[in-house]
PDB file of N, CA and C in Angstrom:
ATOM      1  N   UNK A   1      32.900 -24.911 -17.434  1.00  0.00           N
ATOM      2  CA  UNK A   1      33.032 -24.474 -16.062  1.00  0.00           C
ATOM      3  C   UNK A   1      32.256 -23.163 -15.887  1.00  0.00           C
ATOM      4  N   UNK A   2      31.560 -23.059 -14.781  1.00  0.00           N
ATOM      5  CA  UNK A   2      30.762 -21.870 -14.485  1.00  0.00           C
ATOM      6  C   UNK A   2      31.492 -21.027 -13.450  1.00  0.00           C
ATOM      7  N   UNK A   3      31.504 -19.704 -13.666  1.00  0.00           N
ATOM      8  CA  UNK A   3      32.166 -18.788 -12.742  1.00  0.00           C
ATOM      9  C   UNK A   3      31.196 -17.707 -12.288  1.00  0.00           C
ATOM     10  N   UNK A   4      31.468 -17.177 -11.114  1.00  0.00           N
ATOM     11  CA  UNK A   4      30.750 -16.017 -10.612  1.00  0.00           C
ATOM     12  C   UNK A   4      31.711 -14.852 -10.760  1.00  0.00           C
ATOM     13  N   UNK A   5      31.325 -13.865 -11.571  1.00  0.00           N
ATOM     14  CA  UNK A   5      32.240 -12.767 -11.839  1.00  0.00           C
ATOM     15  C   UNK A   5      31.500 -11.445 -11.986  1.00  0.00           C
ATOM     16  N   UNK A   6      32.266 -10.369 -12.196  1.00  0.00           N
ATOM     17  CA  UNK A   6      31.699  -9.036 -12.321  1.00  0.00           C
ATOM     18  C   UNK A   6      31.522  -8.682 -13.792  1.00  0.00           C
ATOM     19  N   UNK A   7      30.374  -8.072 -14.113  1.00  0.00           N
ATOM     20  CA  UNK A   7      30.125  -7.530 -15.446  1.00  0.00           C
ATOM     21  C   UNK A   7      29.970  -6.026 -15.285  1.00  0.00           C
ATOM     22  N   UNK A   8      30.751  -5.271 -15.998  1.00  0.00           N
ATOM     23  CA  UNK A   8      30.752  -3.815 -15.823  1.00  0.00           C
ATOM     24  C   UNK A   8      29.535  -3.172 -16.470  1.00  0.00           C
ATOM     25  N   UNK A   9      28.961  -2.217 -15.760  1.00  0.00           N
ATOM     26  CA  UNK A   9      27.913  -1.348 -16.286  1.00  0.00           C
ATOM     27  C   UNK A   9      28.280   0.073 -15.871  1.00  0.00           C
ATOM     28  N   UNK A  10      27.495   1.031 -16.239  1.00  0.00           N
ATOM     29  CA  UNK A  10      27.763   2.400 -15.813  1.00  0.00           C
ATOM     30  C   UNK A  10      28.496   3.190 -16.876  1.00  0.00           C
ATOM     31  N   UNK A  11      28.619   4.484 -16.614  1.00  0.00           N
ATOM     32  CA  UNK A  11      29.251   5.394 -17.559  1.00  0.00           C
ATOM     33  C   UNK A  11      30.765   5.433 -17.380  1.00  0.00           C
ATOM     34  N   UNK A  12      31.399   6.133 -18.282  1.00  0.00           N
ATOM     35  CA  UNK A  12      32.845   6.329 -18.217  1.00  0.00           C
ATOM     36  C   UNK A  12      33.201   7.035 -16.908  1.00  0.00           C
ATOM     37  N   UNK A  13      34.188   6.534 -16.209  1.00  0.00           N
ATOM     38  CA  UNK A  13      34.648   7.049 -14.917  1.00  0.00           C
ATOM     39  C   UNK A  13      33.616   6.944 -13.797  1.00  0.00           C
ATOM     40  N   UNK A  14      32.532   6.217 -14.017  1.00  0.00           N
ATOM     41  CA  UNK A  14      31.528   5.973 -12.979  1.00  0.00           C
ATOM     42  C   UNK A  14      31.160   4.494 -13.008  1.00  0.00           C
ATOM     43  N   UNK A  15      32.074   3.617 -12.635  1.00  0.00           N
ATOM     44  CA  UNK A  15      31.811   2.187 -12.779  1.00  0.00           C
ATOM     45  C   UNK A  15      30.785   1.679 -11.780  1.00  0.00           C
ATOM     46  N   UNK A  16      30.006   0.736 -12.232  1.00  0.00           N
ATOM     47  CA  UNK A  16      29.179  -0.083 -11.358  1.00  0.00           C
ATOM     48  C   UNK A  16      29.199  -1.468 -11.992  1.00  0.00           C
ATOM     49  N   UNK A  17      28.975  -2.465 -11.187  1.00  0.00           N
ATOM     50  CA  UNK A  17      29.126  -3.834 -11.655  1.00  0.00           C
ATOM     51  C   UNK A  17      27.924  -4.667 -11.271  1.00  0.00           C
ATOM     52  N   UNK A  18      27.622  -5.670 -12.076  1.00  0.00           N
ATOM     53  CA  UNK A  18      26.658  -6.697 -11.724  1.00  0.00           C
ATOM     54  C   UNK A  18      27.449  -7.934 -11.342  1.00  0.00           C
ATOM     55  N   UNK A  19      27.006  -8.616 -10.307  1.00  0.00           N
ATOM     56  CA  UNK A  19      27.611  -9.889  -9.927  1.00  0.00           C
ATOM     57  C   UNK A  19      26.803 -10.958 -10.648  1.00  0.00           C
ATOM     58  N   UNK A  20      27.448 -11.669 -11.569  1.00  0.00           N
ATOM     59  CA  UNK A  20      26.738 -12.580 -12.460  1.00  0.00           C
ATOM     60  C   UNK A  20      27.348 -13.976 -12.452  1.00  0.00           C
ATOM     61  N   UNK A  21      26.535 -14.929 -12.867  1.00  0.00           N
ATOM     62  CA  UNK A  21      26.990 -16.299 -13.090  1.00  0.00           C
ATOM     63  C   UNK A  21      27.106 -16.464 -14.600  1.00  0.00           C
ATOM     64  N   UNK A  22      28.310 -16.830 -15.067  1.00  0.00           N
ATOM     65  CA  UNK A  22      28.590 -16.969 -16.495  1.00  0.00           C
ATOM     66  C   UNK A  22      29.437 -18.197 -16.756  1.00  0.00           C
ATOM     67  N   UNK A  23      29.381 -18.647 -17.986  1.00  0.00           N
ATOM     68  CA  UNK A  23      30.329 -19.654 -18.446  1.00  0.00           C
ATOM     69  C   UNK A  23      31.712 -19.018 -18.391  1.00  0.00           C
ATOM     70  N   UNK A  24      32.718 -19.752 -17.996  1.00  0.00           N
ATOM     71  CA  UNK A  24      34.062 -19.206 -17.781  1.00  0.00           C
ATOM     72  C   UNK A  24      34.634 -18.562 -19.037  1.00  0.00           C
ATOM     73  N   UNK A  25      34.314 -19.097 -20.208  1.00  0.00           N
ATOM     74  CA  UNK A  25      34.888 -18.570 -21.446  1.00  0.00           C
ATOM     75  C   UNK A  25      34.066 -17.440 -22.052  1.00  0.00           C
ATOM     76  N   UNK A  26      32.963 -17.051 -21.412  1.00  0.00           N
ATOM     77  CA  UNK A  26      32.126 -15.970 -21.936  1.00  0.00           C
ATOM     78  C   UNK A  26      32.825 -14.631 -21.764  1.00  0.00           C
ATOM     79  N   UNK A  27      32.474 -13.675 -22.610  1.00  0.00           N
ATOM     80  CA  UNK A  27      33.030 -12.332 -22.502  1.00  0.00           C
ATOM     81  C   UNK A  27      32.569 -11.691 -21.203  1.00  0.00           C
ATOM     82  N   UNK A  28      33.304 -10.689 -20.759  1.00  0.00           N
ATOM     83  CA  UNK A  28      32.994 -10.026 -19.487  1.00  0.00           C
ATOM     84  C   UNK A  28      31.555  -9.526 -19.446  1.00  0.00           C
ATOM     85  N   UNK A  29      31.106  -8.904 -20.526  1.00  0.00           N
ATOM     86  CA  UNK A  29      29.749  -8.365 -20.578  1.00  0.00           C
ATOM     87  C   UNK A  29      28.855  -9.203 -21.479  1.00  0.00           C
ATOM     88  N   UNK A  30      29.217 -10.464 -21.684  1.00  0.00           N
ATOM     89  CA  UNK A  30      28.465 -11.344 -22.564  1.00  0.00           C
ATOM     90  C   UNK A  30      27.242 -11.951 -21.889  1.00  0.00           C
ATOM     91  N   UNK A  31      26.774 -13.041 -22.470  1.00  0.00           N
ATOM     92  CA  UNK A  31      25.557 -13.700 -22.001  1.00  0.00           C
ATOM     93  C   UNK A  31      25.739 -14.260 -20.599  1.00  0.00           C
ATOM     94  N   UNK A  32      24.756 -14.021 -19.740  1.00  0.00           N
ATOM     95  CA  UNK A  32      24.825 -14.469 -18.357  1.00  0.00           C
ATOM     96  C   UNK A  32      23.777 -15.544 -18.096  1.00  0.00           C
ATOM     97  N   UNK A  33      24.053 -16.376 -17.109  1.00  0.00           N
ATOM     98  CA  UNK A  33      23.099 -17.390 -16.673  1.00  0.00           C
ATOM     99  C   UNK A  33      22.141 -16.784 -15.658  1.00  0.00           C
ATOM    100  N   UNK A  34      22.688 -16.024 -14.708  1.00  0.00           N
ATOM    101  CA  UNK A  34      21.861 -15.398 -13.682  1.00  0.00           C
ATOM    102  C   UNK A  34      22.593 -14.183 -13.098  1.00  0.00           C
ATOM    103  N   UNK A  35      21.820 -13.164 -12.731  1.00  0.00           N
ATOM    104  CA  UNK A  35      22.356 -11.988 -12.057  1.00  0.00           C
ATOM    105  C   UNK A  35      22.108 -12.163 -10.566  1.00  0.00           C
ATOM    106  N   UNK A  36      23.183 -12.102  -9.772  1.00  0.00           N
ATOM    107  CA  UNK A  36      23.079 -12.328  -8.329  1.00  0.00           C
ATOM    108  C   UNK A  36      23.021 -11.036  -7.524  1.00  0.00           C
ATOM    109  N   UNK A  37      23.463  -9.937  -8.088  1.00  0.00           N
ATOM    110  CA  UNK A  37      23.451  -8.694  -7.332  1.00  0.00           C
ATOM    111  C   UNK A  37      24.205  -7.603  -8.057  1.00  0.00           C
ATOM    112  N   UNK A  38      24.533  -6.552  -7.317  1.00  0.00           N
ATOM    113  CA  UNK A  38      25.256  -5.433  -7.907  1.00  0.00           C
ATOM    114  C   UNK A  38      26.257  -4.880  -6.900  1.00  0.00           C
ATOM    115  N   UNK A  39      27.244  -4.149  -7.435  1.00  0.00           N
ATOM    116  CA  UNK A  39      28.294  -3.558  -6.613  1.00  0.00           C
ATOM    117  C   UNK A  39      28.640  -2.204  -7.204  1.00  0.00           C
ATOM    118  N   UNK A  40      28.608  -1.161  -6.362  1.00  0.00           N
ATOM    119  CA  UNK A  40      28.961   0.191  -6.793  1.00  0.00           C
ATOM    120  C   UNK A  40      30.123   0.685  -5.937  1.00  0.00           C
ATOM    121  N   UNK A  41      31.354   0.607  -6.444  1.00  0.00           N
ATOM    122  CA  UNK A  41      32.523   0.976  -5.644  1.00  0.00           C
ATOM    123  C   UNK A  41      32.687   2.487  -5.440  1.00  0.00           C
ATOM    124  N   UNK A  42      32.055   3.306  -6.247  1.00  0.00           N
ATOM    125  CA  UNK A  42      32.210   4.764  -6.161  1.00  0.00           C
ATOM    126  C   UNK A  42      31.562   5.310  -4.891  1.00  0.00           C
ATOM    127  N   UNK A  43      30.451   4.704  -4.473  1.00  0.00           N
ATOM    128  CA  UNK A  43      29.778   5.161  -3.259  1.00  0.00           C
ATOM    129  C   UNK A  43      30.717   5.009  -2.071  1.00  0.00           C
ATOM    130  N   UNK A  44      30.545   5.830  -1.059  1.00  0.00           N
ATOM    131  CA  UNK A  44      31.423   5.758   0.105  1.00  0.00           C
ATOM    132  C   UNK A  44      30.609   5.396   1.331  1.00  0.00           C
ATOM    133  N   UNK A  45      30.662   4.229   1.907  1.00  0.00           N
ATOM    134  CA  UNK A  45      31.430   3.066   1.444  1.00  0.00           C
ATOM    135  C   UNK A  45      30.750   2.401   0.249  1.00  0.00           C
ATOM    136  N   UNK A  46      31.455   1.512  -0.426  1.00  0.00           N
ATOM    137  CA  UNK A  46      30.926   0.841  -1.609  1.00  0.00           C
ATOM    138  C   UNK A  46      29.584   0.180  -1.327  1.00  0.00           C
ATOM    139  N   UNK A  47      28.628   0.382  -2.224  1.00  0.00           N
ATOM    140  CA  UNK A  47      27.286  -0.169  -2.067  1.00  0.00           C
ATOM    141  C   UNK A  47      27.242  -1.572  -2.658  1.00  0.00           C
ATOM    142  N   UNK A  48      26.772  -2.528  -1.886  1.00  0.00           N
ATOM    143  CA  UNK A  48      26.748  -3.919  -2.310  1.00  0.00           C
ATOM    144  C   UNK A  48      25.375  -4.514  -2.068  1.00  0.00           C
ATOM    145  N   UNK A  49      24.823  -5.160  -3.097  1.00  0.00           N
ATOM    146  CA  UNK A  49      23.588  -5.921  -2.972  1.00  0.00           C
ATOM    147  C   UNK A  49      23.880  -7.304  -3.523  1.00  0.00           C
ATOM    148  N   UNK A  50      23.638  -8.331  -2.712  1.00  0.00           N
ATOM    149  CA  UNK A  50      23.940  -9.693  -3.127  1.00  0.00           C
ATOM    150  C   UNK A  50      22.874 -10.635  -2.586  1.00  0.00           C
ATOM    151  N   UNK A  51      22.317 -11.465  -3.460  1.00  0.00           N
ATOM    152  CA  UNK A  51      21.363 -12.487  -3.048  1.00  0.00           C
ATOM    153  C   UNK A  51      22.174 -13.663  -2.496  1.00  0.00           C
ATOM    154  N   UNK A  52      22.310 -13.705  -1.169  1.00  0.00           N
ATOM    155  CA  UNK A  52      23.185 -14.692  -0.524  1.00  0.00           C
ATOM    156  C   UNK A  52      22.716 -16.122  -0.742  1.00  0.00           C
ATOM    157  N   UNK A  53      21.410 -16.342  -0.766  1.00  0.00           N
ATOM    158  CA  UNK A  53      20.885 -17.695  -0.967  1.00  0.00           C
ATOM    159  C   UNK A  53      21.257 -18.222  -2.352  1.00  0.00           C
ATOM    160  N   UNK A  54      21.094 -17.392  -3.385  1.00  0.00           N
ATOM    161  CA  UNK A  54      21.450 -17.819  -4.741  1.00  0.00           C
ATOM    162  C   UNK A  54      22.969 -17.953  -4.902  1.00  0.00           C
ATOM    163  N   UNK A  55      23.734 -17.095  -4.215  1.00  0.00           N
ATOM    164  CA  UNK A  55      25.190 -17.192  -4.247  1.00  0.00           C
ATOM    165  C   UNK A  55      25.623 -18.550  -3.691  1.00  0.00           C
ATOM    166  N   UNK A  56      25.065 -18.932  -2.520  1.00  0.00           N
ATOM    167  CA  UNK A  56      25.381 -20.241  -1.937  1.00  0.00           C
ATOM    168  C   UNK A  56      24.942 -21.380  -2.846  1.00  0.00           C
ATOM    169  N   UNK A  57      23.774 -21.229  -3.472  1.00  0.00           N
ATOM    170  CA  UNK A  57      23.263 -22.246  -4.397  1.00  0.00           C
ATOM    171  C   UNK A  57      24.279 -22.525  -5.502  1.00  0.00           C
ATOM    172  N   UNK A  58      24.798 -21.471  -6.112  1.00  0.00           N
ATOM    173  CA  UNK A  58      25.750 -21.659  -7.207  1.00  0.00           C
ATOM    174  C   UNK A  58      27.099 -22.179  -6.725  1.00  0.00           C
ATOM    175  N   UNK A  59      27.533 -21.787  -5.540  1.00  0.00           N
ATOM    176  CA  UNK A  59      28.776 -22.320  -4.972  1.00  0.00           C
ATOM    177  C   UNK A  59      28.639 -23.827  -4.748  1.00  0.00           C
ATOM    178  N   UNK A  60      27.481 -24.246  -4.220  1.00  0.00           N
ATOM    179  CA  UNK A  60      27.249 -25.674  -3.988  1.00  0.00           C
ATOM    180  C   UNK A  60      27.211 -26.466  -5.285  1.00  0.00           C
ATOM    181  N   UNK A  61      26.801 -25.830  -6.381  1.00  0.00           N
ATOM    182  CA  UNK A  61      26.725 -26.502  -7.674  1.00  0.00           C
ATOM    183  C   UNK A  61      28.058 -26.500  -8.413  1.00  0.00           C
ATOM    184  N   UNK A  62      29.109 -25.919  -7.808  1.00  0.00           N
ATOM    185  CA  UNK A  62      30.437 -25.977  -8.400  1.00  0.00           C
ATOM    186  C   UNK A  62      30.898 -24.710  -9.085  1.00  0.00           C
ATOM    187  N   UNK A  63      30.132 -23.633  -8.996  1.00  0.00           N
ATOM    188  CA  UNK A  63      30.578 -22.364  -9.589  1.00  0.00           C
ATOM    189  C   UNK A  63      31.763 -21.825  -8.792  1.00  0.00           C
ATOM    190  N   UNK A  64      32.727 -21.279  -9.497  1.00  0.00           N
ATOM    191  CA  UNK A  64      33.946 -20.775  -8.867  1.00  0.00           C
ATOM    192  C   UNK A  64      33.939 -19.248  -8.933  1.00  0.00           C
ATOM    193  N   UNK A  65      33.941 -18.564  -7.789  1.00  0.00           N
ATOM    194  CA  UNK A  65      33.992 -17.093  -7.834  1.00  0.00           C
ATOM    195  C   UNK A  65      35.396 -16.606  -8.162  1.00  0.00           C
ATOM    196  N   UNK A  66      35.473 -15.481  -8.856  1.00  0.00           N
ATOM    197  CA  UNK A  66      36.770 -14.869  -9.118  1.00  0.00           C
ATOM    198  C   UNK A  66      37.295 -14.311  -7.795  1.00  0.00           C
ATOM    199  N   UNK A  67      38.594 -14.058  -7.686  1.00  0.00           N
ATOM    200  CA  UNK A  67      39.133 -13.518  -6.430  1.00  0.00           C
ATOM    201  C   UNK A  67      38.456 -12.222  -5.989  1.00  0.00           C
ATOM    202  N   UNK A  68      38.132 -11.356  -6.937  1.00  0.00           N
ATOM    203  CA  UNK A  68      37.481 -10.091  -6.600  1.00  0.00           C
ATOM    204  C   UNK A  68      36.088 -10.333  -6.028  1.00  0.00           C
ATOM    205  N   UNK A  69      35.314 -11.200  -6.662  1.00  0.00           N
ATOM    206  CA  UNK A  69      33.970 -11.510  -6.173  1.00  0.00           C
ATOM    207  C   UNK A  69      34.047 -12.177  -4.812  1.00  0.00           C
ATOM    208  N   UNK A  70      34.996 -13.036  -4.605  1.00  0.00           N
ATOM    209  CA  UNK A  70      35.177 -13.707  -3.311  1.00  0.00           C
ATOM    210  C   UNK A  70      35.423 -12.678  -2.211  1.00  0.00           C
ATOM    211  N   UNK A  71      36.266 -11.698  -2.494  1.00  0.00           N
ATOM    212  CA  UNK A  71      36.562 -10.635  -1.528  1.00  0.00           C
ATOM    213  C   UNK A  71      35.312  -9.791  -1.248  1.00  0.00           C
ATOM    214  N   UNK A  72      34.575  -9.450  -2.290  1.00  0.00           N
ATOM    215  CA  UNK A  72      33.344  -8.653  -2.124  1.00  0.00           C
ATOM    216  C   UNK A  72      32.290  -9.437  -1.367  1.00  0.00           C
ATOM    217  N   UNK A  73      32.151 -10.726  -1.650  1.00  0.00           N
ATOM    218  CA  UNK A  73      31.118 -11.547  -1.014  1.00  0.00           C
ATOM    219  C   UNK A  73      31.400 -11.728   0.475  1.00  0.00           C
ATOM    220  N   UNK A  74      32.650 -11.722   0.875  1.00  0.00           N
ATOM    221  CA  UNK A  74      32.969 -11.848   2.306  1.00  0.00           C
ATOM    222  C   UNK A  74      32.449 -10.657   3.096  1.00  0.00           C
ATOM    223  N   UNK A  75      32.357  -9.489   2.441  1.00  0.00           N
ATOM    224  CA  UNK A  75      31.841  -8.294   3.113  1.00  0.00           C
ATOM    225  C   UNK A  75      30.335  -8.339   3.269  1.00  0.00           C
ATOM    226  N   UNK A  76      29.649  -9.117   2.457  1.00  0.00           N
ATOM    227  CA  UNK A  76      28.169  -9.172   2.492  1.00  0.00           C
ATOM    228  C   UNK A  76      27.656  -9.900   3.710  1.00  0.00           C
TER     229      UNK A  76
END
């Protein structure tokens, strides 16, 4: 099963995330299939970059977004 989830990057106490497509059993920061965008929650308001066309492509192919990614994608 393929999931769309967040992979953490950034320094300690300064989180930033990549929105990635991964195998469901892969580690959080493990091997990715594709990077769809990034999310920086520290910025005010949170900075979000998301390739909407590729996001829709993976949803149509059966990828399941995590609840957090689903909430973030609705803002895009």
